């Protein structure tokens, strides 16, 4: 199959040595790096070299004002098989640039087209492979509402704006993860390879730590949660970020119909294969991962702390939100307001800053305005769930007899 690579070259100031199409053709014939056994057809300004054919034609210039120079323009058409013209394209453009042509445009590039078409299925497969893996992993390991606590504010805002473009499936499914960019999808992996630590855990451990080099090394290793170690070993240690970033460059060229080389094709297929293998291996290792309740909460805290901007919550608003949640769960059997869900999910979903909400909670608890108590955990009987409720102050009738309301 014969492919076409066509350039428009302009010399508006007439500074090149190419006075006409014949002189340009002979200059090109003299560039020996392009040819093996060239044959010149002067009448048609054509160079034939095996399966490759190059033709030079004059380009009609647009109308110019009286102050403009007339200028020269030529159309150079290179035709042949993929193998015969792919490697000639860049040297040809470089040589024309060396001849002092001011402007060089690509009019047609049928070599880039098959490269882009061959690479796109690889892009489609690895992007959706990672997306599917992350959705399943996050939904089961972090929580059903993982997107709300994991996606950055920019990602969430972008997905929200793009939802109007998905009018078919968007009515039925949660498709936010399908509406972010390729780079942001990879970012969800990078961020979860950085470790999730709570300040309280670190302080408590440091105070009881022996002051030896071995103890410090062991402590640093223990601080790495199962979750962090899984992402580090499955992705970071396998150079996932670098590979994903390199493929993102190729992905952008596909999306914007840029020019491709055979090197792009080879590199893109190699990267796609390596990335697919990393994701498959991580997927296979998930079944051995155990994430504790503490680790899950630390993940949510870290993710929420990254999102900006947040509103500070007042004590009045905190108590109003708590009252609404208590009323909501009062009608349920053994209903309660979980501390973690109330602060990390409910208040955060309304845009309140996580750190500020925790500070308000501590202040209200210290003044006995609210209290934290524990209820059985349906998922783990050894670790009760922390619940939150507003303290009901004793009435005058309750205290006159010396009996507090909680003692009744």
Protein backbone atom coordinates (compact mmCIF):
# COMPACT_ATOMS: atom_id res chain seq x y z
CA UNK A 1 0.00 0.00 0.00
CA UNK A 2 1.39 3.41 -1.00
CA UNK A 3 1.35 6.10 1.72
CA UNK A 4 1.72 9.87 1.38
CA UNK A 5 3.83 12.35 3.35
CA UNK A 6 3.32 15.90 2.08
CA UNK A 7 4.93 19.19 3.12
CA UNK A 8 4.23 22.82 2.30
CA UNK A 9 7.43 24.91 2.47
CA UNK A 10 7.33 28.72 2.30
CA UNK A 11 10.05 31.25 1.58
CA UNK A 12 8.23 34.61 1.87
CA UNK A 13 11.45 36.68 1.93
CA UNK A 14 12.99 34.69 -0.94
CA UNK A 15 16.17 34.01 1.01
CA UNK A 16 16.64 30.39 -0.09
CA UNK A 17 18.55 29.18 -3.16
CA UNK A 18 15.39 27.54 -4.48
CA UNK A 19 14.30 29.92 -7.21
CA UNK A 20 11.89 27.40 -8.68
CA UNK A 21 10.68 23.83 -8.27
CA UNK A 22 13.44 22.43 -10.50
CA UNK A 23 16.24 23.97 -8.41
CA UNK A 24 14.64 22.69 -5.19
CA UNK A 25 14.33 19.20 -6.68
CA UNK A 26 18.06 19.11 -7.51
CA UNK A 27 18.94 20.35 -4.01
CA UNK A 28 16.92 17.48 -2.61
CA UNK A 29 18.56 15.05 -5.01
CA UNK A 30 21.94 16.20 -3.68
CA UNK A 31 20.98 15.23 -0.11
CA UNK A 32 22.51 11.76 -0.40
CA UNK A 33 21.29 10.56 2.99
CA UNK A 34 17.77 10.31 1.58
CA UNK A 35 18.60 8.09 -1.36
CA UNK A 36 20.11 4.78 -2.40
CA UNK A 37 19.77 4.64 -6.23
CA UNK A 38 17.81 7.78 -7.17
CA UNK A 39 16.59 8.55 -10.69
CA UNK A 40 15.51 12.09 -11.69
CA UNK A 41 12.58 12.91 -14.01
CA UNK A 42 13.14 16.60 -14.78
CA UNK A 43 9.91 17.22 -16.66
CA UNK A 44 7.75 16.22 -13.68
CA UNK A 45 10.28 17.34 -11.00
CA UNK A 46 10.26 13.83 -9.59
CA UNK A 47 12.89 11.67 -7.90
CA UNK A 48 12.32 7.90 -7.97
CA UNK A 49 14.27 5.61 -5.67
CA UNK A 50 12.95 2.06 -5.67
CA UNK A 51 9.53 2.09 -4.02
CA UNK A 52 9.92 5.74 -3.00
CA UNK A 53 8.86 8.71 -5.12
CA UNK A 54 9.37 12.41 -4.28
CA UNK A 55 7.74 15.16 -6.35
CA UNK A 56 8.16 18.95 -6.07
CA UNK A 57 5.41 21.33 -7.21
CA UNK A 58 4.96 25.07 -6.98
CA UNK A 59 2.43 26.39 -4.50
CA UNK A 60 0.18 29.28 -5.47
CA UNK A 61 0.63 32.06 -2.93
CA UNK A 62 -2.37 33.89 -1.50
CA UNK A 63 -3.04 37.49 -2.54
CA UNK A 64 -0.66 39.91 -0.84
CA UNK A 65 -0.80 43.60 -0.13
CA UNK A 66 1.47 45.92 -2.05
CA UNK A 67 3.87 46.09 0.89
CA UNK A 68 4.38 42.30 1.05
CA UNK A 69 7.12 40.44 -0.75
CA UNK A 70 5.89 37.98 -3.33
CA UNK A 71 7.63 35.01 -1.74
CA UNK A 72 7.99 31.45 -2.92
CA UNK A 73 6.15 28.29 -1.95
CA UNK A 74 6.47 24.62 -2.83
CA UNK A 75 4.58 21.41 -2.11
CA UNK A 76 6.78 18.34 -1.63
CA UNK A 77 5.04 14.98 -1.85
CA UNK A 78 6.82 11.82 -0.70
CA UNK A 79 5.07 8.54 -1.53
CA UNK A 80 5.91 4.90 -0.94
CA UNK A 81 5.49 2.03 1.48
CA UNK A 82 5.55 2.51 5.25
CA UNK A 83 9.08 1.12 5.42
CA UNK A 84 10.36 3.27 2.56
CA UNK A 85 9.16 6.67 3.77
CA UNK A 86 8.81 6.42 7.58
CA UNK A 87 12.51 7.00 8.26
CA UNK A 88 12.83 9.68 5.53
CA UNK A 89 10.24 12.09 6.95
CA UNK A 90 12.24 13.75 9.73
CA UNK A 91 15.55 14.01 7.74
CA UNK A 92 13.60 15.57 4.87
CA UNK A 93 12.06 18.22 7.12
CA UNK A 94 15.43 18.89 8.77
CA UNK A 95 17.15 19.34 5.40
CA UNK A 96 14.49 21.80 4.20
CA UNK A 97 14.96 23.75 7.42
CA UNK A 98 18.70 23.90 6.71
CA UNK A 99 17.91 25.46 3.32
CA UNK A 100 16.45 28.46 5.21
CA UNK A 101 12.79 27.91 4.42
CA UNK A 102 11.02 30.07 6.97
CA UNK A 103 7.87 28.00 7.36
CA UNK A 104 7.38 24.26 6.95
CA UNK A 105 3.93 22.72 7.34
CA UNK A 106 2.82 19.08 7.26
CA UNK A 107 -0.18 18.78 4.96
CA UNK A 108 -0.60 15.00 5.02
CA UNK A 109 1.08 12.26 7.02
CA UNK A 110 -0.34 8.85 6.27
CA UNK A 111 2.56 7.24 8.16
CA UNK A 112 1.44 8.65 11.53
CA UNK A 113 -2.11 7.46 10.95
CA UNK A 114 -1.46 3.68 11.09
CA UNK A 115 0.89 4.18 14.06
CA UNK A 116 -1.79 6.05 16.01
CA UNK A 117 -4.44 3.50 15.02
CA UNK A 118 -2.23 0.61 16.16
CA UNK A 119 -1.38 2.29 19.47
CA UNK A 120 -4.92 3.33 20.42
CA UNK A 121 -6.16 -0.16 21.40
CA UNK A 122 -3.19 -0.44 23.79
CA UNK A 123 -4.13 2.92 25.31
CA UNK A 124 -7.76 1.92 25.65
CA UNK A 125 -6.92 -1.40 27.29
CA UNK A 126 -4.44 -0.21 29.93
CA UNK A 127 -6.48 2.86 30.86
CA UNK A 128 -9.60 0.81 31.44
CA UNK A 129 -7.62 -1.99 33.09
CA UNK A 130 -6.27 0.44 35.70
CA UNK A 131 -9.64 2.14 36.10
CA UNK A 132 -11.42 -1.17 36.67
CA UNK A 133 -8.76 -2.33 39.10
CA UNK A 134 -8.88 0.89 41.15
CA UNK A 135 -12.67 0.98 41.33
CA UNK A 136 -12.90 -2.60 42.57
CA UNK A 137 -9.99 -2.28 44.96
CA UNK A 138 -11.00 1.06 46.45
CA UNK A 139 -14.68 0.19 46.77
CA UNK A 140 -13.93 -3.03 48.67
CA UNK A 141 -10.82 -1.98 50.63
CA UNK A 142 -11.38 1.72 51.38
CA UNK A 143 -15.16 1.87 51.30
CA UNK A 144 -18.15 2.15 48.96
CA UNK A 145 -17.80 5.94 48.81
CA UNK A 146 -14.09 5.78 48.02
CA UNK A 147 -14.32 8.42 45.30
CA UNK A 148 -15.54 11.07 47.77
CA UNK A 149 -12.54 10.64 50.07
CA UNK A 150 -9.84 9.71 47.56
CA UNK A 151 -10.30 11.99 44.56
CA UNK A 152 -8.68 15.42 44.81
CA UNK A 153 -10.86 18.53 44.64
CA UNK A 154 -9.72 19.14 41.05
CA UNK A 155 -10.60 15.59 40.01
CA UNK A 156 -14.03 15.76 41.65
CA UNK A 157 -14.77 19.13 40.07
CA UNK A 158 -13.65 17.95 36.63
CA UNK A 159 -15.77 14.79 36.84
CA UNK A 160 -18.79 16.79 37.95
CA UNK A 161 -18.50 19.17 34.99
CA UNK A 162 -18.03 16.33 32.50
CA UNK A 163 -21.02 14.29 33.68
CA UNK A 164 -23.23 16.22 31.28
CA UNK A 165 -21.29 14.67 28.41
CA UNK A 166 -22.25 11.13 29.42
CA UNK A 167 -25.99 11.18 28.91
CA UNK A 168 -26.57 7.44 28.45
CA UNK A 169 -24.79 5.45 31.16
CA UNK A 170 -24.41 8.46 33.46
CA UNK A 171 -28.10 8.12 34.39
CA UNK A 172 -27.53 4.65 35.79
CA UNK A 173 -23.95 4.25 37.03
CA UNK A 174 -21.38 6.10 39.14
CA UNK A 175 -18.97 7.04 36.37
CA UNK A 176 -16.78 9.71 37.98
CA UNK A 177 -13.63 7.61 37.53
CA UNK A 178 -14.33 7.52 33.78
CA UNK A 179 -14.38 11.31 33.54
CA UNK A 180 -10.89 12.21 34.74
CA UNK A 181 -7.78 12.51 32.60
CA UNK A 182 -5.24 9.77 31.91
CA UNK A 183 -2.64 11.46 34.12
CA UNK A 184 -5.06 11.86 37.02
CA UNK A 185 -5.95 8.18 36.84
CA UNK A 186 -2.27 7.36 37.36
CA UNK A 187 -2.13 9.95 40.14
CA UNK A 188 -4.60 7.89 42.16
CA UNK A 189 -1.91 5.19 42.27
CA UNK A 190 1.02 7.53 42.99
CA UNK A 191 -0.73 9.11 45.97
CA UNK A 192 -1.45 5.76 47.53
CA UNK A 193 2.20 4.75 47.35
CA UNK A 194 3.26 7.48 49.79
CA UNK A 195 2.17 5.94 53.09
CA UNK A 196 -0.68 6.78 55.48
CA UNK A 197 0.40 7.59 59.02
CA UNK A 198 -1.46 9.15 61.95
CA UNK A 199 0.31 11.64 64.20
CA UNK A 200 -1.10 9.98 67.32
CA UNK A 201 0.37 6.61 66.35
CA UNK A 202 3.79 8.12 65.68
CA UNK A 203 3.94 10.07 68.95
CA UNK A 204 2.85 7.12 71.08
CA UNK A 205 5.37 4.79 69.49
CA UNK A 206 8.28 7.24 69.65
CA UNK A 207 7.86 7.82 73.40
CA UNK A 208 8.37 4.13 74.10
CA UNK A 209 11.03 3.48 71.46
CA UNK A 210 14.51 2.29 72.56
CA UNK A 211 17.17 4.71 71.40
CA UNK A 212 19.03 2.27 69.18
CA UNK A 213 19.65 2.24 65.43
CA UNK A 214 18.01 -1.17 65.12
CA UNK A 215 14.88 -0.03 66.93
CA UNK A 216 14.59 3.01 64.68
CA UNK A 217 14.94 0.88 61.56
CA UNK A 218 12.27 -1.52 62.81
CA UNK A 219 10.00 1.38 63.71
CA UNK A 220 10.31 2.93 60.25
CA UNK A 221 9.39 -0.40 58.68
CA UNK A 222 6.39 -0.87 60.97
CA UNK A 223 5.10 2.60 60.19
CA UNK A 224 4.52 1.44 56.66
CA UNK A 225 1.01 0.07 56.70
CA UNK A 226 -0.08 -3.04 54.85
CA UNK A 227 -1.88 -0.76 52.43
CA UNK A 228 1.20 1.39 51.78
CA UNK A 229 3.50 -1.60 51.42
CA UNK A 230 1.08 -3.19 48.95
CA UNK A 231 1.00 -0.14 46.68
CA UNK A 232 4.73 0.44 47.04
CA UNK A 233 5.69 -3.13 46.19
CA UNK A 234 3.03 -3.54 43.48
CA UNK A 235 3.48 -0.19 41.74
CA UNK A 236 6.25 2.12 43.01
CA UNK A 237 8.96 -0.56 43.16
CA UNK A 238 8.11 -1.56 39.59
CA UNK A 239 8.61 1.97 38.27
CA UNK A 240 4.91 2.32 37.48
CA UNK A 241 4.86 6.13 37.68
CA UNK A 242 7.67 6.56 35.18
CA UNK A 243 6.12 4.09 32.73
CA UNK A 244 2.64 5.61 33.06
CA UNK A 245 4.03 9.13 32.58
CA UNK A 246 5.94 8.08 29.47
CA UNK A 247 2.84 6.48 28.00
CA UNK A 248 0.86 9.63 28.85
CA UNK A 249 3.06 11.51 26.38
CA UNK A 250 2.13 9.00 23.69
CA UNK A 251 -1.51 9.14 24.74
CA UNK A 252 -1.53 12.93 24.29
CA UNK A 253 -0.12 12.57 20.79
CA UNK A 254 -2.90 10.12 19.94
CA UNK A 255 -5.58 12.40 21.38
CA UNK A 256 -4.32 15.46 19.51
CA UNK A 257 -3.49 13.79 16.19
CA UNK A 258 0.22 14.61 16.44
CA UNK A 259 3.01 13.20 14.28
CA UNK A 260 4.44 9.79 15.12
CA UNK A 261 7.63 7.88 14.45
CA UNK A 262 8.28 4.17 14.36
CA UNK A 263 10.08 4.64 17.69
CA UNK A 264 6.78 5.82 19.21
CA UNK A 265 5.13 2.62 18.01
CA UNK A 266 7.81 0.35 19.45
CA UNK A 267 8.02 2.25 22.74
CA UNK A 268 4.25 2.52 23.12
CA UNK A 269 3.66 -1.21 22.65
CA UNK A 270 6.48 -2.04 25.08
CA UNK A 271 5.19 0.36 27.77
CA UNK A 272 1.61 -0.86 27.39
CA UNK A 273 2.74 -4.46 27.84
CA UNK A 274 4.78 -3.62 30.94
CA UNK A 275 2.00 -1.51 32.49
CA UNK A 276 -0.61 -4.21 31.85
CA UNK A 277 1.65 -6.77 33.56
CA UNK A 278 2.07 -4.52 36.63
CA UNK A 279 -1.69 -4.04 37.01
CA UNK A 280 -2.41 -7.74 36.52
CA UNK A 281 0.16 -8.69 39.17
CA UNK A 282 -1.28 -6.15 41.62
CA UNK A 283 -4.77 -7.46 40.98
CA UNK A 284 -3.62 -11.00 41.71
CA UNK A 285 -2.02 -9.89 44.99
CA UNK A 286 -5.08 -8.11 46.38
CA UNK A 287 -6.53 -11.28 47.88
CA UNK A 288 -3.59 -11.48 50.29
CA UNK A 289 -3.95 -7.86 51.48
CA UNK A 290 -5.52 -7.22 54.88
CA UNK A 291 -6.37 -3.59 55.72
CA UNK A 292 -7.23 -2.83 59.33
CA UNK A 293 -9.92 -0.38 60.43
CA UNK A 294 -7.20 2.01 61.63
CA UNK A 295 -5.42 1.88 58.29
CA UNK A 296 -8.64 2.50 56.43
CA UNK A 297 -9.38 5.57 58.55
CA UNK A 298 -5.80 6.82 58.07
CA UNK A 299 -6.23 6.48 54.30
CA UNK A 300 -9.40 8.53 54.42
CA UNK A 301 -7.79 11.17 56.65
CA UNK A 302 -4.81 11.54 54.34
CA UNK A 303 -6.97 11.77 51.25
CA UNK A 304 -9.30 14.33 52.77
CA UNK A 305 -6.42 16.45 54.04
CA UNK A 306 -5.16 16.82 50.45
CA UNK A 307 -8.34 18.43 49.21
CA UNK A 308 -8.65 22.22 49.11
CA UNK A 309 -10.34 24.50 49.80
CA UNK A 310 -12.30 23.48 52.91
CA UNK A 311 -14.62 25.52 55.14
CA UNK A 312 -14.03 25.75 58.86
CA UNK A 313 -16.96 24.48 60.91
CA UNK A 314 -18.30 26.32 63.95
CA UNK A 315 -19.44 24.56 67.13
CA UNK A 316 -23.02 25.60 66.34
CA UNK A 317 -22.89 24.05 62.87
CA UNK A 318 -21.19 20.93 64.25
CA UNK A 319 -24.00 20.41 66.76
CA UNK A 320 -26.67 21.12 64.13
CA UNK A 321 -25.20 18.49 61.80
CA UNK A 322 -24.90 16.03 64.68
CA UNK A 323 -28.53 16.57 65.71
CA UNK A 324 -29.69 15.90 62.15
CA UNK A 325 -27.67 12.67 61.99
CA UNK A 326 -28.91 11.52 65.42
CA UNK A 327 -32.49 12.10 64.30
CA UNK A 328 -31.83 10.18 61.10
CA UNK A 329 -30.51 7.09 62.88
CA UNK A 330 -32.88 7.26 65.86
CA UNK A 331 -35.52 5.39 63.92
CA UNK A 332 -33.22 2.52 63.03
CA UNK A 333 -32.72 -0.59 65.14
CA UNK A 334 -29.60 -0.07 67.25
CA UNK A 335 -28.98 3.11 65.28
CA UNK A 336 -26.06 5.35 66.18
CA UNK A 337 -23.82 8.06 64.72
CA UNK A 338 -20.34 6.67 64.11
CA UNK A 339 -17.57 9.13 64.93
CA UNK A 340 -15.43 8.27 61.92
CA UNK A 341 -18.29 8.35 59.43
CA UNK A 342 -19.74 11.57 60.83
CA UNK A 343 -16.46 13.51 60.73
CA UNK A 344 -14.65 11.91 57.80
CA UNK A 345 -17.55 11.33 55.45
CA UNK A 346 -20.59 13.40 56.42
CA UNK A 347 -18.90 16.67 57.39
CA UNK A 348 -16.23 16.29 54.69
CA UNK A 349 -18.88 15.74 52.01
CA UNK A 350 -20.29 19.15 52.97
CA UNK A 351 -16.92 20.81 52.49
CA UNK A 352 -15.89 21.21 56.14
CA UNK A 353 -12.18 21.03 56.91
CA UNK A 354 -11.27 17.72 58.53
CA UNK A 355 -8.69 19.11 60.96
CA UNK A 356 -11.05 21.87 62.09
CA UNK A 357 -13.90 19.40 62.63
CA UNK A 358 -11.65 17.23 64.80
CA UNK A 359 -10.65 20.27 66.88
CA UNK A 360 -14.29 21.24 67.42
CA UNK A 361 -15.10 17.66 68.41
CA UNK A 362 -12.33 17.64 71.01
CA UNK A 363 -13.40 21.03 72.41
CA UNK A 364 -17.05 19.96 72.73
CA UNK A 365 -16.02 16.64 74.28
CA UNK A 366 -13.77 18.38 76.84
CA UNK A 367 -16.72 20.55 77.93
CA UNK A 368 -19.02 17.48 78.04
CA UNK A 369 -21.28 18.91 75.35
CA UNK A 370 -20.87 15.71 73.35
CA UNK A 371 -19.62 12.29 74.33
CA UNK A 372 -18.01 9.36 72.61
CA UNK A 373 -19.23 5.91 73.55
CA UNK A 374 -18.81 2.47 72.02
CA UNK A 375 -21.19 0.05 70.37
CA UNK A 376 -20.63 -3.52 69.10
CA UNK A 377 -18.93 -3.68 65.72
CA UNK A 378 -20.93 -6.00 63.44
CA UNK A 379 -17.79 -6.72 61.39
CA UNK A 380 -15.31 -7.28 64.22
CA UNK A 381 -16.56 -8.09 67.71
CA UNK A 382 -13.09 -7.57 69.20
CA UNK A 383 -12.99 -3.90 68.21
CA UNK A 384 -16.11 -1.88 69.20
CA UNK A 385 -17.16 1.06 67.04
CA UNK A 386 -16.79 4.60 68.44
CA UNK A 387 -20.12 6.46 68.35
CA UNK A 388 -20.98 10.11 69.02
CA UNK A 389 -23.96 11.79 70.66
CA UNK A 390 -24.90 15.09 72.21
CA UNK A 391 -24.98 15.07 76.01
CA UNK A 392 -28.46 15.82 77.35
CA UNK A 393 -28.03 18.14 80.36
CA UNK A 394 -29.95 17.12 83.50
CA UNK A 395 -33.21 19.00 84.11
CA UNK A 396 -34.04 20.81 87.35
CA UNK A 397 -36.37 17.98 88.44
CA UNK A 398 -33.66 15.42 87.82
CA UNK A 399 -31.09 17.16 90.02
CA UNK A 400 -33.34 18.26 92.90
CA UNK A 401 -33.39 14.75 94.24
CA UNK A 402 -29.69 14.31 93.70
CA UNK A 403 -30.20 12.00 90.80
CA UNK A 404 -28.42 12.70 87.49
CA UNK A 405 -30.27 11.91 84.25
CA UNK A 406 -27.71 9.30 83.14
CA UNK A 407 -28.23 7.40 86.40
CA UNK A 408 -31.95 6.96 85.95
